Amino acid sequence: MQKELLLSNPAAVGEEIGQELGAKFVKDFQDAHPDEVSAYFIGRNIIDQILAQPDCVGIRFYNALNEAGQKTLVYVGIDSKDSIIKEITSINEFGKLETKPGITADRVAPDDESVEWTWF
């Protein structure tokens, strides 16, 4: 089903699963992988910037290692053709076309790894 949605409408991928099922998914992962980072926090500002790119219909998150060799996420905007937004073309303040790179982001803050799935 997800593959069909991705091919026909990438913006429709994902669905509300509810707190109970979400908590089960997280607990199952934490039980199976107790040494993994359990959560990341990403601020709204960078998410809004990524989603504001022309034709951006979603965000793809990649597991990655940062400069210090620590596990992190790299995230990029995805367009309606399910491609990474690599370039953005716009008109600058002088009325000329300019091209700049699409946003590729990192610098997530790992939540305390000892924290279990809880609702505050």
PDB file of N, CA and C in Angstrom:
ATOM      1  N   MET A   1       0.825  -1.192   0.000  1.00  0.00           N
ATOM      2  CA  MET A   1       0.000   0.000   0.000  1.00  0.00           C
ATOM      3  C   MET A   1       0.871   1.259   0.000  1.00  0.00           C
ATOM      4  N   GLN A   2       1.889   1.304   0.884  1.00  0.00           N
ATOM      5  CA  GLN A   2       2.771   2.472   0.942  1.00  0.00           C
ATOM      6  C   GLN A   2       3.484   2.683  -0.384  1.00  0.00           C
ATOM      7  N   LYS A   3       3.923   1.582  -1.026  1.00  0.00           N
ATOM      8  CA  LYS A   3       4.618   1.705  -2.304  1.00  0.00           C
ATOM      9  C   LYS A   3       3.688   2.291  -3.366  1.00  0.00           C
ATOM     10  N   GLU A   4       2.438   1.849  -3.378  1.00  0.00           N
ATOM     11  CA  GLU A   4       1.468   2.381  -4.335  1.00  0.00           C
ATOM     12  C   GLU A   4       1.229   3.869  -4.088  1.00  0.00           C
ATOM     13  N   LEU A   5       1.099   4.269  -2.810  1.00  0.00           N
ATOM     14  CA  LEU A   5       0.909   5.672  -2.490  1.00  0.00           C
ATOM     15  C   LEU A   5       2.113   6.496  -2.911  1.00  0.00           C
ATOM     16  N   LEU A   6       3.304   5.964  -2.653  1.00  0.00           N
ATOM     17  CA  LEU A   6       4.521   6.679  -2.997  1.00  0.00           C
ATOM     18  C   LEU A   6       4.597   6.928  -4.492  1.00  0.00           C
ATOM     19  N   LEU A   7       4.232   5.934  -5.277  1.00  0.00           N
ATOM     20  CA  LEU A   7       4.293   6.085  -6.720  1.00  0.00           C
ATOM     21  C   LEU A   7       3.234   7.051  -7.243  1.00  0.00           C
ATOM     22  N   SER A   8       2.054   7.049  -6.645  1.00  0.00           N
ATOM     23  CA  SER A   8       0.966   7.876  -7.161  1.00  0.00           C
ATOM     24  C   SER A   8       0.906   9.257  -6.512  1.00  0.00           C
ATOM     25  N   ASN A   9       1.230   9.355  -5.240  1.00  0.00           N
ATOM     26  CA  ASN A   9       1.123  10.625  -4.531  1.00  0.00           C
ATOM     27  C   ASN A   9       2.025  10.601  -3.305  1.00  0.00           C
ATOM     28  N   PRO A  10       3.287  10.985  -3.443  1.00  0.00           N
ATOM     29  CA  PRO A  10       4.212  10.932  -2.293  1.00  0.00           C
ATOM     30  C   PRO A  10       3.720  11.723  -1.086  1.00  0.00           C
ATOM     31  N   ALA A  11       2.970  12.782  -1.299  1.00  0.00           N
ATOM     32  CA  ALA A  11       2.482  13.584  -0.181  1.00  0.00           C
ATOM     33  C   ALA A  11       1.516  12.809   0.704  1.00  0.00           C
ATOM     34  N   ALA A  12       0.926  11.731   0.195  1.00  0.00           N
ATOM     35  CA  ALA A  12      -0.058  10.957   0.959  1.00  0.00           C
ATOM     36  C   ALA A  12       0.571   9.858   1.812  1.00  0.00           C
ATOM     37  N   VAL A  13       1.879   9.671   1.708  1.00  0.00           N
ATOM     38  CA  VAL A  13       2.537   8.607   2.468  1.00  0.00           C
ATOM     39  C   VAL A  13       2.546   8.966   3.952  1.00  0.00           C
ATOM     40  N   GLY A  14       2.195   8.015   4.780  1.00  0.00           N
ATOM     41  CA  GLY A  14       2.140   8.207   6.228  1.00  0.00           C
ATOM     42  C   GLY A  14       0.698   8.259   6.686  1.00  0.00           C
ATOM     43  N   GLU A  15       0.488   7.873   7.921  1.00  0.00           N
ATOM     44  CA  GLU A  15      -0.859   7.917   8.468  1.00  0.00           C
ATOM     45  C   GLU A  15      -0.796   7.958   9.981  1.00  0.00           C
ATOM     46  N   GLU A  16      -1.835   8.476  10.571  1.00  0.00           N
ATOM     47  CA  GLU A  16      -1.993   8.502  12.016  1.00  0.00           C
ATOM     48  C   GLU A  16      -2.156   7.059  12.505  1.00  0.00           C
ATOM     49  N   ILE A  17      -1.365   6.665  13.499  1.00  0.00           N
ATOM     50  CA  ILE A  17      -1.477   5.301  14.016  1.00  0.00           C
ATOM     51  C   ILE A  17      -1.967   5.257  15.461  1.00  0.00           C
ATOM     52  N   GLY A  18      -2.073   6.402  16.120  1.00  0.00           N
ATOM     53  CA  GLY A  18      -2.555   6.450  17.491  1.00  0.00           C
ATOM     54  C   GLY A  18      -1.438   6.239  18.497  1.00  0.00           C
ATOM     55  N   GLN A  19      -1.659   6.741  19.695  1.00  0.00           N
ATOM     56  CA  GLN A  19      -0.636   6.693  20.724  1.00  0.00           C
ATOM     57  C   GLN A  19      -0.332   5.273  21.199  1.00  0.00           C
ATOM     58  N   GLU A  20      -1.349   4.455  21.320  1.00  0.00           N
ATOM     59  CA  GLU A  20      -1.144   3.096  21.817  1.00  0.00           C
ATOM     60  C   GLU A  20      -0.258   2.280  20.869  1.00  0.00           C
ATOM     61  N   LEU A  21      -0.578   2.288  19.579  1.00  0.00           N
ATOM     62  CA  LEU A  21       0.230   1.537  18.617  1.00  0.00           C
ATOM     63  C   LEU A  21       1.616   2.162  18.477  1.00  0.00           C
ATOM     64  N   GLY A  22       1.685   3.500  18.481  1.00  0.00           N
ATOM     65  CA  GLY A  22       2.977   4.181  18.417  1.00  0.00           C
ATOM     66  C   GLY A  22       3.861   3.783  19.589  1.00  0.00           C
ATOM     67  N   ALA A  23       3.300   3.768  20.789  1.00  0.00           N
ATOM     68  CA  ALA A  23       4.061   3.374  21.983  1.00  0.00           C
ATOM     69  C   ALA A  23       4.534   1.929  21.867  1.00  0.00           C
ATOM     70  N   LYS A  24       3.698   1.048  21.320  1.00  0.00           N
ATOM     71  CA  LYS A  24       4.095  -0.348  21.133  1.00  0.00           C
ATOM     72  C   LYS A  24       5.261  -0.454  20.157  1.00  0.00           C
ATOM     73  N   PHE A  25       5.173   0.255  19.023  1.00  0.00           N
ATOM     74  CA  PHE A  25       6.266   0.225  18.039  1.00  0.00           C
ATOM     75  C   PHE A  25       7.581   0.657  18.679  1.00  0.00           C
ATOM     76  N   VAL A  26       7.532   1.764  19.429  1.00  0.00           N
ATOM     77  CA  VAL A  26       8.748   2.297  20.055  1.00  0.00           C
ATOM     78  C   VAL A  26       9.284   1.330  21.102  1.00  0.00           C
ATOM     79  N   LYS A  27       8.419   0.810  21.953  1.00  0.00           N
ATOM     80  CA  LYS A  27       8.859  -0.136  22.989  1.00  0.00           C
ATOM     81  C   LYS A  27       9.473  -1.381  22.354  1.00  0.00           C
ATOM     82  N   ASP A  28       8.836  -1.914  21.314  1.00  0.00           N
ATOM     83  CA  ASP A  28       9.375  -3.094  20.627  1.00  0.00           C
ATOM     84  C   ASP A  28      10.769  -2.820  20.083  1.00  0.00           C
ATOM     85  N   PHE A  29      10.985  -1.637  19.509  1.00  0.00           N
ATOM     86  CA  PHE A  29      12.310  -1.283  18.997  1.00  0.00           C
ATOM     87  C   PHE A  29      13.307  -1.165  20.146  1.00  0.00           C
ATOM     88  N   GLN A  30      12.926  -0.458  21.208  1.00  0.00           N
ATOM     89  CA  GLN A  30      13.831  -0.274  22.342  1.00  0.00           C
ATOM     90  C   GLN A  30      14.186  -1.602  22.997  1.00  0.00           C
ATOM     91  N   ASP A  31      13.215  -2.507  23.098  1.00  0.00           N
ATOM     92  CA  ASP A  31      13.491  -3.833  23.656  1.00  0.00           C
ATOM     93  C   ASP A  31      14.452  -4.616  22.765  1.00  0.00           C
ATOM     94  N   ALA A  32      14.286  -4.524  21.457  1.00  0.00           N
ATOM     95  CA  ALA A  32      15.119  -5.268  20.513  1.00  0.00           C
ATOM     96  C   ALA A  32      16.504  -4.639  20.328  1.00  0.00           C
ATOM     97  N   HIS A  33      16.615  -3.327  20.542  1.00  0.00           N
ATOM     98  CA  HIS A  33      17.873  -2.601  20.299  1.00  0.00           C
ATOM     99  C   HIS A  33      18.164  -1.656  21.460  1.00  0.00           C
ATOM    100  N   PRO A  34      18.459  -2.195  22.646  1.00  0.00           N
ATOM    101  CA  PRO A  34      18.624  -1.339  23.830  1.00  0.00           C
ATOM    102  C   PRO A  34      19.810  -0.378  23.753  1.00  0.00           C
ATOM    103  N   ASP A  35      20.774  -0.635  22.889  1.00  0.00           N
ATOM    104  CA  ASP A  35      21.947   0.233  22.793  1.00  0.00           C
ATOM    105  C   ASP A  35      21.811   1.323  21.727  1.00  0.00           C
ATOM    106  N   GLU A  36      20.708   1.331  20.993  1.00  0.00           N
ATOM    107  CA  GLU A  36      20.494   2.332  19.947  1.00  0.00           C
ATOM    108  C   GLU A  36      19.960   3.633  20.551  1.00  0.00           C
ATOM    109  N   VAL A  37      20.214   4.747  19.868  1.00  0.00           N
ATOM    110  CA  VAL A  37      19.593   6.015  20.247  1.00  0.00           C
ATOM    111  C   VAL A  37      18.091   5.810  20.114  1.00  0.00           C
ATOM    112  N   SER A  38      17.352   6.170  21.158  1.00  0.00           N
ATOM    113  CA  SER A  38      15.922   5.869  21.145  1.00  0.00           C
ATOM    114  C   SER A  38      15.081   6.942  20.467  1.00  0.00           C
ATOM    115  N   ALA A  39      15.593   8.159  20.379  1.00  0.00           N
ATOM    116  CA  ALA A  39      14.790   9.230  19.783  1.00  0.00           C
ATOM    117  C   ALA A  39      15.693  10.395  19.380  1.00  0.00           C
ATOM    118  N   TYR A  40      15.203  11.184  18.432  1.00  0.00           N
ATOM    119  CA  TYR A  40      15.861  12.418  18.031  1.00  0.00           C
ATOM    120  C   TYR A  40      14.836  13.533  18.113  1.00  0.00           C
ATOM    121  N   PHE A  41      15.325  14.749  18.347  1.00  0.00           N
ATOM    122  CA  PHE A  41      14.455  15.914  18.310  1.00  0.00           C
ATOM    123  C   PHE A  41      14.923  16.816  17.184  1.00  0.00           C
ATOM    124  N   ILE A  42      13.987  17.248  16.345  1.00  0.00           N
ATOM    125  CA  ILE A  42      14.276  18.170  15.252  1.00  0.00           C
ATOM    126  C   ILE A  42      13.319  19.346  15.400  1.00  0.00           C
ATOM    127  N   GLY A  43      13.848  20.549  15.403  1.00  0.00           N
ATOM    128  CA  GLY A  43      13.032  21.744  15.584  1.00  0.00           C
ATOM    129  C   GLY A  43      12.181  22.069  14.365  1.00  0.00           C
ATOM    130  N   ARG A  44      11.134  22.788  14.616  1.00  0.00           N
ATOM    131  CA  ARG A  44      10.174  23.133  13.576  1.00  0.00           C
ATOM    132  C   ARG A  44      10.772  24.021  12.492  1.00  0.00           C
ATOM    133  N   ASN A  45      11.688  24.922  12.865  1.00  0.00           N
ATOM    134  CA  ASN A  45      12.197  25.897  11.891  1.00  0.00           C
ATOM    135  C   ASN A  45      12.806  25.227  10.669  1.00  0.00           C
ATOM    136  N   ILE A  46      13.661  24.235  10.872  1.00  0.00           N
ATOM    137  CA  ILE A  46      14.307  23.590   9.728  1.00  0.00           C
ATOM    138  C   ILE A  46      13.289  22.750   8.948  1.00  0.00           C
ATOM    139  N   ILE A  47      12.347  22.136   9.642  1.00  0.00           N
ATOM    140  CA  ILE A  47      11.312  21.363   8.952  1.00  0.00           C
ATOM    141  C   ILE A  47      10.473  22.297   8.078  1.00  0.00           C
ATOM    142  N   ASP A  48      10.096  23.469   8.623  1.00  0.00           N
ATOM    143  CA  ASP A  48       9.340  24.439   7.829  1.00  0.00           C
ATOM    144  C   ASP A  48      10.140  24.906   6.615  1.00  0.00           C
ATOM    145  N   GLN A  49      11.456  25.134   6.789  1.00  0.00           N
ATOM    146  CA  GLN A  49      12.296  25.569   5.675  1.00  0.00           C
ATOM    147  C   GLN A  49      12.347  24.510   4.571  1.00  0.00           C
ATOM    148  N   ILE A  50      12.492  23.253   4.976  1.00  0.00           N
ATOM    149  CA  ILE A  50      12.539  22.173   3.984  1.00  0.00           C
ATOM    150  C   ILE A  50      11.206  22.079   3.246  1.00  0.00           C
ATOM    151  N   LEU A  51      10.103  22.079   3.987  1.00  0.00           N
ATOM    152  CA  LEU A  51       8.787  21.941   3.363  1.00  0.00           C
ATOM    153  C   LEU A  51       8.404  23.148   2.508  1.00  0.00           C
ATOM    154  N   ALA A  52       9.015  24.299   2.762  1.00  0.00           N
ATOM    155  CA  ALA A  52       8.714  25.508   1.988  1.00  0.00           C
ATOM    156  C   ALA A  52       9.407  25.526   0.626  1.00  0.00           C
ATOM    157  N   GLN A  53      10.292  24.573   0.354  1.00  0.00           N
ATOM    158  CA  GLN A  53      10.946  24.525  -0.946  1.00  0.00           C
ATOM    159  C   GLN A  53       9.902  24.217  -2.022  1.00  0.00           C
ATOM    160  N   PRO A  54      10.074  24.813  -3.214  1.00  0.00           N
ATOM    161  CA  PRO A  54       9.102  24.563  -4.284  1.00  0.00           C
ATOM    162  C   PRO A  54       8.926  23.069  -4.572  1.00  0.00           C
ATOM    163  N   ASP A  55       7.686  22.632  -4.691  1.00  0.00           N
ATOM    164  CA  ASP A  55       7.295  21.257  -5.005  1.00  0.00           C
ATOM    165  C   ASP A  55       7.676  20.244  -3.928  1.00  0.00           C
ATOM    166  N   CYS A  56       8.002  20.700  -2.729  1.00  0.00           N
ATOM    167  CA  CYS A  56       8.340  19.757  -1.651  1.00  0.00           C
ATOM    168  C   CYS A  56       7.056  19.152  -1.097  1.00  0.00           C
ATOM    169  N   VAL A  57       6.983  17.808  -1.112  1.00  0.00           N
ATOM    170  CA  VAL A  57       5.785  17.119  -0.630  1.00  0.00           C
ATOM    171  C   VAL A  57       6.052  16.300   0.631  1.00  0.00           C
ATOM    172  N   GLY A  58       7.301  16.259   1.060  1.00  0.00           N
ATOM    173  CA  GLY A  58       7.629  15.498   2.254  1.00  0.00           C
ATOM    174  C   GLY A  58       9.116  15.562   2.547  1.00  0.00           C
ATOM    175  N   ILE A  59       9.487  14.869   3.604  1.00  0.00           N
ATOM    176  CA  ILE A  59      10.882  14.847   4.046  1.00  0.00           C
ATOM    177  C   ILE A  59      11.325  13.397   4.160  1.00  0.00           C
ATOM    178  N   ARG A  60      12.511  13.107   3.657  1.00  0.00           N
ATOM    179  CA  ARG A  60      13.112  11.783   3.814  1.00  0.00           C
ATOM    180  C   ARG A  60      14.235  11.899   4.837  1.00  0.00           C
ATOM    181  N   PHE A  61      14.266  10.942   5.770  1.00  0.00           N
ATOM    182  CA  PHE A  61      15.277  10.903   6.822  1.00  0.00           C
ATOM    183  C   PHE A  61      16.219   9.733   6.552  1.00  0.00           C
ATOM    184  N   TYR A  62      17.510  10.020   6.564  1.00  0.00           N
ATOM    185  CA  TYR A  62      18.530   8.994   6.354  1.00  0.00           C
ATOM    186  C   TYR A  62      19.321   8.795   7.633  1.00  0.00           C
ATOM    187  N   ASN A  63      19.562   7.529   8.005  1.00  0.00           N
ATOM    188  CA  ASN A  63      20.500   7.258   9.080  1.00  0.00           C
ATOM    189  C   ASN A  63      21.878   7.647   8.595  1.00  0.00           C
ATOM    190  N   ALA A  64      22.681   8.237   9.479  1.00  0.00           N
ATOM    191  CA  ALA A  64      23.993   8.730   9.079  1.00  0.00           C
ATOM    192  C   ALA A  64      24.926   8.755  10.287  1.00  0.00           C
ATOM    193  N   LEU A  65      26.197   8.998  10.012  1.00  0.00           N
ATOM    194  CA  LEU A  65      27.189   9.221  11.055  1.00  0.00           C
ATOM    195  C   LEU A  65      27.736  10.629  10.872  1.00  0.00           C
ATOM    196  N   ASN A  66      27.806  11.394  11.970  1.00  0.00           N
ATOM    197  CA  ASN A  66      28.331  12.755  11.875  1.00  0.00           C
ATOM    198  C   ASN A  66      29.867  12.764  11.908  1.00  0.00           C
ATOM    199  N   GLU A  67      30.445  13.951  11.969  1.00  0.00           N
ATOM    200  CA  GLU A  67      31.907  14.092  11.943  1.00  0.00           C
ATOM    201  C   GLU A  67      32.599  13.367  13.092  1.00  0.00           C
ATOM    202  N   ALA A  68      31.897  13.228  14.209  1.00  0.00           N
ATOM    203  CA  ALA A  68      32.463  12.557  15.383  1.00  0.00           C
ATOM    204  C   ALA A  68      32.181  11.055  15.377  1.00  0.00           C
ATOM    205  N   GLY A  69      31.556  10.554  14.306  1.00  0.00           N
ATOM    206  CA  GLY A  69      31.231   9.138  14.212  1.00  0.00           C
ATOM    207  C   GLY A  69      29.996   8.733  14.990  1.00  0.00           C
ATOM    208  N   GLN A  70      29.188   9.710  15.419  1.00  0.00           N
ATOM    209  CA  GLN A  70      27.970   9.427  16.173  1.00  0.00           C
ATOM    210  C   GLN A  70      26.790   9.280  15.227  1.00  0.00           C
ATOM    211  N   LYS A  71      25.885   8.375  15.584  1.00  0.00           N
ATOM    212  CA  LYS A  71      24.690   8.167  14.770  1.00  0.00           C
ATOM    213  C   LYS A  71      23.835   9.431  14.784  1.00  0.00           C
ATOM    214  N   THR A  72      23.337   9.801  13.618  1.00  0.00           N
ATOM    215  CA  THR A  72      22.498  10.983  13.479  1.00  0.00           C
ATOM    216  C   THR A  72      21.530  10.757  12.326  1.00  0.00           C
ATOM    217  N   LEU A  73      20.794  11.783  11.972  1.00  0.00           N
ATOM    218  CA  LEU A  73      19.912  11.752  10.817  1.00  0.00           C
ATOM    219  C   LEU A  73      20.307  12.878   9.873  1.00  0.00           C
ATOM    220  N   VAL A  74      20.245  12.611   8.590  1.00  0.00           N
ATOM    221  CA  VAL A  74      20.340  13.640   7.568  1.00  0.00           C
ATOM    222  C   VAL A  74      18.976  13.653   6.903  1.00  0.00           C
ATOM    223  N   TYR A  75      18.417  14.841   6.700  1.00  0.00           N
ATOM    224  CA  TYR A  75      17.077  14.915   6.141  1.00  0.00           C
ATOM    225  C   TYR A  75      17.019  15.932   5.016  1.00  0.00           C
ATOM    226  N   VAL A  76      16.215  15.556   4.006  1.00  0.00           N
ATOM    227  CA  VAL A  76      16.124  16.326   2.771  1.00  0.00           C
ATOM    228  C   VAL A  76      14.667  16.400   2.317  1.00  0.00           C
ATOM    229  N   GLY A  77      14.360  17.424   1.538  1.00  0.00           N
ATOM    230  CA  GLY A  77      13.037  17.552   0.946  1.00  0.00           C
ATOM    231  C   GLY A  77      12.890  16.622  -0.239  1.00  0.00           C
ATOM    232  N   ILE A  78      11.675  16.109  -0.421  1.00  0.00           N
ATOM    233  CA  ILE A  78      11.352  15.214  -1.534  1.00  0.00           C
ATOM    234  C   ILE A  78      10.267  15.876  -2.373  1.00  0.00           C
ATOM    235  N   ASP A  79      10.459  15.857  -3.692  1.00  0.00           N
ATOM    236  CA  ASP A  79       9.476  16.492  -4.573  1.00  0.00           C
ATOM    237  C   ASP A  79       8.373  15.511  -4.977  1.00  0.00           C
ATOM    238  N   SER A  80       7.441  15.978  -5.772  1.00  0.00           N
ATOM    239  CA  SER A  80       6.276  15.178  -6.157  1.00  0.00           C
ATOM    240  C   SER A  80       6.629  13.991  -7.043  1.00  0.00           C
ATOM    241  N   LYS A  81       7.846  13.936  -7.539  1.00  0.00           N
ATOM    242  CA  LYS A  81       8.299  12.787  -8.334  1.00  0.00           C
ATOM    243  C   LYS A  81       9.135  11.825  -7.482  1.00  0.00           C
ATOM    244  N   ASP A  82       9.103  12.012  -6.157  1.00  0.00           N
ATOM    245  CA  ASP A  82       9.837  11.188  -5.200  1.00  0.00           C
ATOM    246  C   ASP A  82      11.358  11.312  -5.372  1.00  0.00           C
ATOM    247  N   SER A  83      11.810  12.499  -5.755  1.00  0.00           N
ATOM    248  CA  SER A  83      13.240  12.762  -5.907  1.00  0.00           C
ATOM    249  C   SER A  83      13.691  13.770  -4.855  1.00  0.00           C
ATOM    250  N   ILE A  84      14.941  13.645  -4.446  1.00  0.00           N
ATOM    251  CA  ILE A  84      15.522  14.618  -3.524  1.00  0.00           C
ATOM    252  C   ILE A  84      15.578  15.979  -4.227  1.00  0.00           C
ATOM    253  N   ILE A  85      15.197  17.011  -3.519  1.00  0.00           N
ATOM    254  CA  ILE A  85      15.288  18.370  -4.061  1.00  0.00           C
ATOM    255  C   ILE A  85      16.757  18.799  -3.954  1.00  0.00           C
ATOM    256  N   LYS A  86      17.452  18.731  -5.079  1.00  0.00           N
ATOM    257  CA  LYS A  86      18.885  19.044  -5.103  1.00  0.00           C
ATOM    258  C   LYS A  86      19.157  20.499  -5.423  1.00  0.00           C
ATOM    259  N   GLU A  87      18.254  21.131  -6.180  1.00  0.00           N
ATOM    260  CA  GLU A  87      18.424  22.536  -6.556  1.00  0.00           C
ATOM    261  C   GLU A  87      17.093  23.261  -6.488  1.00  0.00           C
ATOM    262  N   ILE A  88      17.183  24.540  -6.159  1.00  0.00           N
ATOM    263  CA  ILE A  88      16.013  25.401  -6.148  1.00  0.00           C
ATOM    264  C   ILE A  88      16.312  26.570  -7.078  1.00  0.00           C
ATOM    265  N   THR A  89      15.435  26.789  -8.046  1.00  0.00           N
ATOM    266  CA  THR A  89      15.583  27.923  -8.941  1.00  0.00           C
ATOM    267  C   THR A  89      14.550  28.968  -8.552  1.00  0.00           C
ATOM    268  N   SER A  90      15.008  30.197  -8.398  1.00  0.00           N
ATOM    269  CA  SER A  90      14.095  31.274  -8.019  1.00  0.00           C
ATOM    270  C   SER A  90      14.549  32.575  -8.679  1.00  0.00           C
ATOM    271  N   ILE A  91      13.740  33.590  -8.543  1.00  0.00           N
ATOM    272  CA  ILE A  91      14.079  34.911  -9.060  1.00  0.00           C
ATOM    273  C   ILE A  91      14.573  35.748  -7.892  1.00  0.00           C
ATOM    274  N   ASN A  92      15.773  36.310  -8.040  1.00  0.00           N
ATOM    275  CA  ASN A  92      16.321  37.111  -6.944  1.00  0.00           C
ATOM    276  C   ASN A  92      15.743  38.523  -6.945  1.00  0.00           C
ATOM    277  N   GLU A  93      16.204  39.352  -6.016  1.00  0.00           N
ATOM    278  CA  GLU A  93      15.668  40.705  -5.870  1.00  0.00           C
ATOM    279  C   GLU A  93      15.937  41.605  -7.080  1.00  0.00           C
ATOM    280  N   PHE A  94      16.839  41.183  -7.975  1.00  0.00           N
ATOM    281  CA  PHE A  94      17.148  41.959  -9.176  1.00  0.00           C
ATOM    282  C   PHE A  94      16.410  41.419 -10.412  1.00  0.00           C
ATOM    283  N   GLY A  95      15.509  40.457 -10.207  1.00  0.00           N
ATOM    284  CA  GLY A  95      14.724  39.913 -11.301  1.00  0.00           C
ATOM    285  C   GLY A  95      15.460  38.885 -12.145  1.00  0.00           C
ATOM    286  N   LYS A  96      16.558  38.369 -11.642  1.00  0.00           N
ATOM    287  CA  LYS A  96      17.330  37.374 -12.382  1.00  0.00           C
ATOM    288  C   LYS A  96      17.137  35.999 -11.753  1.00  0.00           C
ATOM    289  N   LEU A  97      17.154  34.980 -12.616  1.00  0.00           N
ATOM    290  CA  LEU A  97      17.072  33.601 -12.115  1.00  0.00           C
ATOM    291  C   LEU A  97      18.346  33.248 -11.387  1.00  0.00           C
ATOM    292  N   GLU A  98      18.191  32.582 -10.271  1.00  0.00           N
ATOM    293  CA  GLU A  98      19.351  32.069  -9.555  1.00  0.00           C
ATOM    294  C   GLU A  98      19.042  30.657  -9.084  1.00  0.00           C
ATOM    295  N   THR A  99      20.063  29.877  -9.029  1.00  0.00           N
ATOM    296  CA  THR A  99      19.926  28.494  -8.567  1.00  0.00           C
ATOM    297  C   THR A  99      20.769  28.332  -7.325  1.00  0.00           C
ATOM    298  N   LYS A 100      20.177  27.699  -6.329  1.00  0.00           N
ATOM    299  CA  LYS A 100      20.920  27.400  -5.107  1.00  0.00           C
ATOM    300  C   LYS A 100      20.632  25.956  -4.721  1.00  0.00           C
ATOM    301  N   PRO A 101      21.484  25.380  -3.902  1.00  0.00           N
ATOM    302  CA  PRO A 101      21.256  23.987  -3.505  1.00  0.00           C
ATOM    303  C   PRO A 101      19.988  23.832  -2.673  1.00  0.00           C
ATOM    304  N   GLY A 102      19.340  22.668  -2.817  1.00  0.00           N
ATOM    305  CA  GLY A 102      18.241  22.325  -1.923  1.00  0.00           C
ATOM    306  C   GLY A 102      18.786  22.143  -0.517  1.00  0.00           C
ATOM    307  N   ILE A 103      17.917  22.151   0.455  1.00  0.00           N
ATOM    308  CA  ILE A 103      18.345  22.041   1.854  1.00  0.00           C
ATOM    309  C   ILE A 103      18.629  20.588   2.210  1.00  0.00           C
ATOM    310  N   THR A 104      19.813  20.365   2.730  1.00  0.00           N
ATOM    311  CA  THR A 104      20.196  19.089   3.334  1.00  0.00           C
ATOM    312  C   THR A 104      20.524  19.409   4.784  1.00  0.00           C
ATOM    313  N   ALA A 105      19.830  18.767   5.721  1.00  0.00           N
ATOM    314  CA  ALA A 105      19.939  19.171   7.121  1.00  0.00           C
ATOM    315  C   ALA A 105      20.419  18.045   8.020  1.00  0.00           C
ATOM    316  N   ASP A 106      20.960  18.450   9.153  1.00  0.00           N
ATOM    317  CA  ASP A 106      21.403  17.559  10.226  1.00  0.00           C
ATOM    318  C   ASP A 106      21.350  18.371  11.515  1.00  0.00           C
ATOM    319  N   ARG A 107      22.128  17.990  12.439  1.00  0.00           N
ATOM    320  CA  ARG A 107      22.240  18.632  13.748  1.00  0.00           C
ATOM    321  C   ARG A 107      21.021  18.362  14.608  1.00  0.00           C
ATOM    322  N   VAL A 108      20.587  17.111  14.585  1.00  0.00           N
ATOM    323  CA  VAL A 108      19.505  16.711  15.471  1.00  0.00           C
ATOM    324  C   VAL A 108      20.055  16.596  16.874  1.00  0.00           C
ATOM    325  N   ALA A 109      19.204  16.771  17.833  1.00  0.00           N
ATOM    326  CA  ALA A 109      19.587  16.612  19.226  1.00  0.00           C
ATOM    327  C   ALA A 109      19.096  15.257  19.694  1.00  0.00           C
ATOM    328  N   PRO A 110      20.035  14.339  20.010  1.00  0.00           N
ATOM    329  CA  PRO A 110      19.553  13.042  20.506  1.00  0.00           C
ATOM    330  C   PRO A 110      18.915  13.224  21.874  1.00  0.00           C
ATOM    331  N   ASP A 111      17.743  12.658  22.031  1.00  0.00           N
ATOM    332  CA  ASP A 111      17.121  12.656  23.348  1.00  0.00           C
ATOM    333  C   ASP A 111      17.918  11.727  24.244  1.00  0.00           C
ATOM    334  N   ASP A 112      17.755  11.883  25.541  1.00  0.00           N
ATOM    335  CA  ASP A 112      18.440  11.027  26.499  1.00  0.00           C
ATOM    336  C   ASP A 112      18.153   9.570  26.158  1.00  0.00           C
ATOM    337  N   GLU A 113      19.199   8.814  25.900  1.00  0.00           N
ATOM    338  CA  GLU A 113      19.017   7.422  25.474  1.00  0.00           C
ATOM    339  C   GLU A 113      18.366   6.549  26.532  1.00  0.00           C
ATOM    340  N   SER A 114      18.399   6.984  27.777  1.00  0.00           N
ATOM    341  CA  SER A 114      17.807   6.179  28.843  1.00  0.00           C
ATOM    342  C   SER A 114      16.309   6.407  28.979  1.00  0.00           C
ATOM    343  N   VAL A 115      15.779   7.381  28.274  1.00  0.00           N
ATOM    344  CA  VAL A 115      14.358   7.711  28.391  1.00  0.00           C
ATOM    345  C   VAL A 115      13.529   6.652  27.685  1.00  0.00           C
ATOM    346  N   GLU A 116      12.546   6.145  28.379  1.00  0.00           N
ATOM    347  CA  GLU A 116      11.612   5.203  27.790  1.00  0.00           C
ATOM    348  C   GLU A 116      10.486   5.986  27.131  1.00  0.00           C
ATOM    349  N   TRP A 117       9.674   5.307  26.343  1.00  0.00           N
ATOM    350  CA  TRP A 117       8.541   5.918  25.667  1.00  0.00           C
ATOM    351  C   TRP A 117       7.552   6.400  26.725  1.00  0.00           C
ATOM    352  N   THR A 118       7.410   7.689  26.861  1.00  0.00           N
ATOM    353  CA  THR A 118       6.483   8.252  27.841  1.00  0.00           C
ATOM    354  C   THR A 118       5.773   9.442  27.230  1.00  0.00           C
ATOM    355  N   TRP A 119       4.603   9.763  27.763  1.00  0.00           N
ATOM    356  CA  TRP A 119       3.840  10.931  27.343  1.00  0.00           C
ATOM    357  C   TRP A 119       3.926  11.940  28.457  1.00  0.00           C
ATOM    358  N   PHE A 120       4.261  13.164  28.125  1.00  0.00           N
ATOM    359  CA  PHE A 120       4.403  14.213  29.145  1.00  0.00           C
ATOM    360  C   PHE A 120       3.140  15.018  29.250  1.00  0.00           C
TER     361      PHE A 120
END
